[in-house]
N, C-alpha and C. Protein backbone atom coordinates (compact mmCIF):
# COMPACT_ATOMS: atom_id res chain seq x y z
N UNK A 1 174.81 149.20 38.43
CA UNK A 1 174.77 150.51 39.06
C UNK A 1 175.85 150.61 40.13
N UNK A 2 176.55 151.71 40.16
CA UNK A 2 177.66 151.91 41.09
C UNK A 2 177.15 152.39 42.45
N UNK A 3 177.93 152.10 43.48
CA UNK A 3 177.63 152.58 44.83
C UNK A 3 178.03 154.04 44.96
N UNK A 4 177.32 154.78 45.79
CA UNK A 4 177.70 156.14 46.14
C UNK A 4 177.78 156.24 47.66
N UNK A 5 178.64 157.12 48.14
CA UNK A 5 178.79 157.35 49.58
C UNK A 5 178.41 158.80 49.83
N UNK A 6 177.49 159.01 50.77
CA UNK A 6 177.04 160.37 51.08
C UNK A 6 176.85 160.50 52.59
N UNK A 7 176.70 161.74 53.04
CA UNK A 7 176.43 161.99 54.45
C UNK A 7 174.96 162.35 54.62
N UNK A 8 174.45 162.14 55.82
CA UNK A 8 173.05 162.38 56.09
C UNK A 8 172.70 163.86 56.03
N UNK A 9 173.54 164.71 56.67
CA UNK A 9 173.23 166.13 56.74
C UNK A 9 174.46 166.94 57.14
N UNK A 10 174.25 168.24 57.39
CA UNK A 10 175.35 169.14 57.73
C UNK A 10 175.98 168.79 59.08
N UNK A 11 175.23 168.22 59.99
CA UNK A 11 175.77 167.81 61.29
C UNK A 11 176.85 166.74 61.09
N UNK A 12 176.56 165.78 60.23
CA UNK A 12 177.54 164.72 59.94
C UNK A 12 178.75 165.31 59.21
N UNK A 13 178.50 166.25 58.29
CA UNK A 13 179.62 166.92 57.61
C UNK A 13 180.54 167.60 58.63
N UNK A 14 179.97 168.24 59.64
CA UNK A 14 180.76 168.91 60.68
C UNK A 14 181.53 167.89 61.51
N UNK A 15 180.94 166.73 61.76
CA UNK A 15 181.65 165.68 62.50
C UNK A 15 182.86 165.20 61.72
N UNK A 16 182.72 165.09 60.40
CA UNK A 16 183.84 164.68 59.56
C UNK A 16 184.92 165.76 59.57
N UNK A 17 184.52 167.01 59.47
CA UNK A 17 185.49 168.12 59.49
C UNK A 17 186.26 168.17 60.81
N UNK A 18 185.65 167.70 61.90
CA UNK A 18 186.30 167.73 63.21
C UNK A 18 187.35 166.62 63.37
N UNK A 19 187.35 165.64 62.46
CA UNK A 19 188.34 164.57 62.53
C UNK A 19 189.73 165.09 62.20
N UNK A 20 190.77 164.46 62.75
CA UNK A 20 192.13 164.79 62.33
C UNK A 20 192.29 164.56 60.82
N UNK A 21 193.19 165.29 60.21
CA UNK A 21 193.36 165.26 58.75
C UNK A 21 193.66 163.86 58.20
N UNK A 22 194.50 163.09 58.90
CA UNK A 22 194.83 161.76 58.39
C UNK A 22 193.61 160.83 58.40
N UNK A 23 192.73 160.99 59.37
CA UNK A 23 191.53 160.15 59.42
C UNK A 23 190.51 160.58 58.35
N UNK A 24 190.42 161.88 58.11
CA UNK A 24 189.55 162.36 57.01
C UNK A 24 190.03 161.80 55.69
N UNK A 25 191.34 161.80 55.48
CA UNK A 25 191.91 161.27 54.24
C UNK A 25 191.61 159.77 54.11
N UNK A 26 191.68 159.06 55.21
CA UNK A 26 191.39 157.62 55.17
C UNK A 26 189.90 157.38 54.87
N UNK A 27 189.02 158.22 55.41
CA UNK A 27 187.59 158.10 55.12
C UNK A 27 187.33 158.33 53.63
N UNK A 28 188.00 159.30 53.06
CA UNK A 28 187.86 159.56 51.63
C UNK A 28 188.36 158.36 50.83
N UNK A 29 189.47 157.78 51.23
CA UNK A 29 190.04 156.63 50.52
C UNK A 29 189.12 155.42 50.57
N UNK A 30 188.57 155.12 51.74
CA UNK A 30 187.67 153.98 51.87
C UNK A 30 186.38 154.25 51.11
N UNK A 31 185.89 155.48 51.13
CA UNK A 31 184.69 155.84 50.36
C UNK A 31 184.92 155.63 48.88
N UNK A 32 186.10 156.00 48.40
CA UNK A 32 186.43 155.79 46.99
C UNK A 32 186.50 154.30 46.65
N UNK A 33 187.04 153.50 47.57
CA UNK A 33 187.07 152.04 47.36
C UNK A 33 185.65 151.49 47.20
N UNK A 34 184.73 151.95 48.06
CA UNK A 34 183.34 151.50 47.99
C UNK A 34 182.73 151.89 46.66
N UNK A 35 182.98 153.13 46.23
CA UNK A 35 182.40 153.62 44.97
C UNK A 35 183.00 152.91 43.76
N UNK A 36 184.29 152.58 43.80
CA UNK A 36 184.96 151.97 42.65
C UNK A 36 184.77 150.45 42.58
N UNK A 37 184.82 149.79 43.73
CA UNK A 37 184.79 148.33 43.74
C UNK A 37 183.43 147.76 44.15
N UNK A 38 182.62 148.57 44.79
CA UNK A 38 181.34 148.09 45.30
C UNK A 38 181.44 147.72 46.77
N UNK A 39 180.39 148.00 47.50
CA UNK A 39 180.39 147.75 48.94
C UNK A 39 180.62 146.28 49.26
N UNK A 40 180.06 145.40 48.45
CA UNK A 40 180.18 143.97 48.72
C UNK A 40 181.62 143.47 48.62
N UNK A 41 182.50 144.21 47.97
CA UNK A 41 183.90 143.80 47.82
C UNK A 41 184.83 144.45 48.84
N UNK A 42 184.32 145.42 49.57
CA UNK A 42 185.13 146.10 50.59
C UNK A 42 184.73 145.52 51.94
N UNK A 43 185.62 144.76 52.52
CA UNK A 43 185.31 144.10 53.79
C UNK A 43 186.29 144.50 54.87
N UNK A 44 186.53 143.59 55.79
CA UNK A 44 187.49 143.83 56.86
C UNK A 44 188.87 144.10 56.26
N UNK A 45 189.65 144.95 56.79
CA UNK A 45 189.45 145.68 58.05
C UNK A 45 188.72 147.02 57.87
N UNK A 46 188.25 147.32 56.68
CA UNK A 46 187.68 148.64 56.42
C UNK A 46 186.27 148.82 56.94
N UNK A 47 185.43 147.81 56.80
CA UNK A 47 184.05 147.90 57.26
C UNK A 47 183.69 146.71 58.13
N UNK A 48 182.75 146.93 59.06
CA UNK A 48 182.33 145.86 59.96
C UNK A 48 180.87 146.10 60.34
N UNK A 49 180.12 145.00 60.45
CA UNK A 49 178.72 145.09 60.86
C UNK A 49 178.64 145.33 62.36
N UNK A 50 177.75 146.25 62.78
CA UNK A 50 177.54 146.48 64.21
C UNK A 50 176.29 145.78 64.71
N UNK A 51 175.14 146.22 64.21
CA UNK A 51 173.88 145.58 64.59
C UNK A 51 172.77 146.06 63.67
N UNK A 52 171.81 145.20 63.44
CA UNK A 52 170.69 145.57 62.56
C UNK A 52 171.18 146.06 61.23
N UNK A 53 170.74 147.25 60.85
CA UNK A 53 171.13 147.83 59.56
C UNK A 53 172.38 148.70 59.68
N UNK A 54 172.98 148.77 60.85
CA UNK A 54 174.10 149.67 61.12
C UNK A 54 175.45 148.98 60.91
N UNK A 55 176.31 149.65 60.15
CA UNK A 55 177.67 149.20 59.88
C UNK A 55 178.64 150.32 60.23
N UNK A 56 179.93 150.00 60.29
CA UNK A 56 180.93 151.04 60.57
C UNK A 56 182.07 150.97 59.58
N UNK A 57 182.57 152.17 59.22
CA UNK A 57 183.82 152.30 58.49
C UNK A 57 184.87 152.57 59.56
N UNK A 58 185.91 151.77 59.56
CA UNK A 58 186.91 151.82 60.62
C UNK A 58 188.10 152.67 60.16
N UNK A 59 188.42 153.69 60.95
CA UNK A 59 189.49 154.63 60.62
C UNK A 59 190.54 154.59 61.72
N UNK A 60 191.80 154.54 61.31
CA UNK A 60 192.90 154.53 62.28
C UNK A 60 193.95 155.52 61.80
N UNK A 61 194.40 156.38 62.70
CA UNK A 61 195.39 157.39 62.34
C UNK A 61 196.41 157.57 63.43
N UNK A 62 197.29 158.53 63.22
CA UNK A 62 198.34 158.81 64.20
C UNK A 62 197.77 159.21 65.56
N UNK A 63 196.62 159.88 65.55
CA UNK A 63 196.06 160.40 66.80
C UNK A 63 195.02 159.49 67.44
N UNK A 64 194.84 158.27 66.91
CA UNK A 64 193.88 157.36 67.52
C UNK A 64 193.02 156.68 66.48
N UNK A 65 191.79 156.31 66.91
CA UNK A 65 190.88 155.64 66.00
C UNK A 65 189.53 156.36 65.98
N UNK A 66 188.86 156.25 64.86
CA UNK A 66 187.54 156.86 64.68
C UNK A 66 186.65 155.86 63.97
N UNK A 67 185.35 156.16 64.01
CA UNK A 67 184.38 155.34 63.31
C UNK A 67 183.40 156.24 62.57
N UNK A 68 183.01 155.80 61.40
CA UNK A 68 181.95 156.44 60.62
C UNK A 68 180.84 155.39 60.51
N UNK A 69 179.73 155.62 61.20
CA UNK A 69 178.63 154.66 61.21
C UNK A 69 177.71 154.96 60.04
N UNK A 70 177.28 153.90 59.34
CA UNK A 70 176.46 154.11 58.15
C UNK A 70 175.39 153.05 58.00
N UNK A 71 174.42 153.37 57.15
CA UNK A 71 173.40 152.41 56.72
C UNK A 71 173.39 152.44 55.20
N UNK A 72 172.84 151.40 54.61
CA UNK A 72 172.67 151.41 53.15
C UNK A 72 171.24 151.81 52.84
N UNK A 73 171.06 152.46 51.69
CA UNK A 73 169.75 152.93 51.28
C UNK A 73 169.46 152.48 49.86
N UNK A 74 168.22 152.62 49.46
CA UNK A 74 167.78 152.24 48.12
C UNK A 74 168.64 152.98 47.08
N UNK A 75 168.99 152.28 46.01
CA UNK A 75 169.80 152.88 44.96
C UNK A 75 171.29 152.71 45.19
N UNK A 76 171.67 151.68 45.93
CA UNK A 76 173.08 151.41 46.24
C UNK A 76 173.77 152.64 46.80
N UNK A 77 173.20 153.17 47.88
CA UNK A 77 173.77 154.33 48.56
C UNK A 77 174.23 153.94 49.96
N UNK A 78 175.43 154.39 50.32
CA UNK A 78 175.94 154.29 51.68
C UNK A 78 175.72 155.67 52.28
N UNK A 79 174.95 155.74 53.37
CA UNK A 79 174.66 157.02 54.00
C UNK A 79 175.31 157.03 55.38
N UNK A 80 176.31 157.89 55.55
CA UNK A 80 177.01 158.03 56.83
C UNK A 80 176.12 158.86 57.76
N UNK A 81 175.81 158.29 58.95
CA UNK A 81 174.89 158.96 59.87
C UNK A 81 175.56 159.47 61.14
N UNK A 82 176.77 159.00 61.45
CA UNK A 82 177.48 159.45 62.65
C UNK A 82 178.97 159.21 62.48
N UNK A 83 179.78 160.19 62.88
CA UNK A 83 181.24 160.08 62.84
C UNK A 83 181.76 160.54 64.20
N UNK A 84 182.65 159.77 64.80
CA UNK A 84 183.19 160.15 66.10
C UNK A 84 184.57 159.55 66.31
N UNK A 85 185.33 160.17 67.21
CA UNK A 85 186.63 159.64 67.63
C UNK A 85 186.35 158.65 68.75
N UNK A 86 186.89 157.47 68.60
CA UNK A 86 186.62 156.38 69.53
C UNK A 86 187.65 156.41 70.66
N UNK A 87 187.16 156.36 71.91
CA UNK A 87 188.05 156.43 73.06
C UNK A 87 188.06 155.12 73.87
N UNK A 88 187.15 154.21 73.56
CA UNK A 88 187.09 152.94 74.27
C UNK A 88 187.24 151.81 73.26
N UNK A 89 187.50 150.60 73.76
CA UNK A 89 187.69 149.47 72.85
C UNK A 89 186.40 149.10 72.12
N UNK A 90 185.29 149.15 72.84
CA UNK A 90 184.01 148.80 72.26
C UNK A 90 183.26 150.08 71.86
N UNK A 91 182.53 150.04 70.74
CA UNK A 91 181.76 151.21 70.32
C UNK A 91 180.69 151.49 71.38
N UNK A 92 180.68 152.71 71.95
CA UNK A 92 179.72 153.03 73.01
C UNK A 92 178.27 152.89 72.56
N UNK A 93 177.43 152.41 73.47
CA UNK A 93 176.01 152.21 73.18
C UNK A 93 175.34 153.51 72.76
N UNK A 94 175.72 154.63 73.38
CA UNK A 94 175.08 155.91 73.05
C UNK A 94 175.37 156.32 71.60
N UNK A 95 176.55 155.95 71.08
CA UNK A 95 176.88 156.26 69.69
C UNK A 95 176.02 155.41 68.74
N UNK A 96 175.85 154.15 69.09
CA UNK A 96 175.01 153.26 68.27
C UNK A 96 173.56 153.75 68.28
N UNK A 97 173.06 154.11 69.47
CA UNK A 97 171.67 154.59 69.58
C UNK A 97 171.47 155.88 68.79
N UNK A 98 172.44 156.81 68.86
CA UNK A 98 172.34 158.06 68.11
C UNK A 98 172.33 157.77 66.60
N UNK A 99 173.21 156.88 66.17
CA UNK A 99 173.27 156.52 64.74
C UNK A 99 171.96 155.88 64.28
N UNK A 100 171.40 154.99 65.10
CA UNK A 100 170.15 154.33 64.74
C UNK A 100 169.00 155.34 64.66
N UNK A 101 168.99 156.32 65.55
CA UNK A 101 167.92 157.32 65.50
C UNK A 101 168.08 158.21 64.26
N UNK A 102 169.30 158.55 63.92
CA UNK A 102 169.53 159.33 62.70
C UNK A 102 169.21 158.51 61.45
N UNK A 103 169.45 157.21 61.52
CA UNK A 103 169.20 156.33 60.36
C UNK A 103 167.73 156.31 59.97
N UNK A 104 166.85 156.62 60.92
CA UNK A 104 165.42 156.66 60.60
C UNK A 104 165.08 157.76 59.59
N UNK A 105 165.97 158.75 59.47
CA UNK A 105 165.75 159.85 58.52
C UNK A 105 166.13 159.47 57.09
N UNK A 106 166.88 158.38 56.93
CA UNK A 106 167.35 157.97 55.59
C UNK A 106 166.21 157.38 54.81
N UNK A 107 166.10 157.80 53.55
CA UNK A 107 165.03 157.28 52.68
C UNK A 107 165.63 156.42 51.58
């Protein structure tokens, strides 16, 4: 069974739309890699474990860096729960907490 990449809801879709165009394109490219090769074959520098069930897709563009935080769900699904432009070296705790609270909605 192949992996699929999806977003949690319209709020996450809006966060993706707010990204600069080059970072959106990179998110699409990494999502396609996951779907074509499988999540287990896509590693650094594209994805990295944060904590618990939370992982990040790492995006870098001309205007800076962004992260798409995700969890995996039953049926080989990657569900993106938070997308943001990163302004500090370390992922802010509030972003992790928001992603973890949204992840509770994933079935």
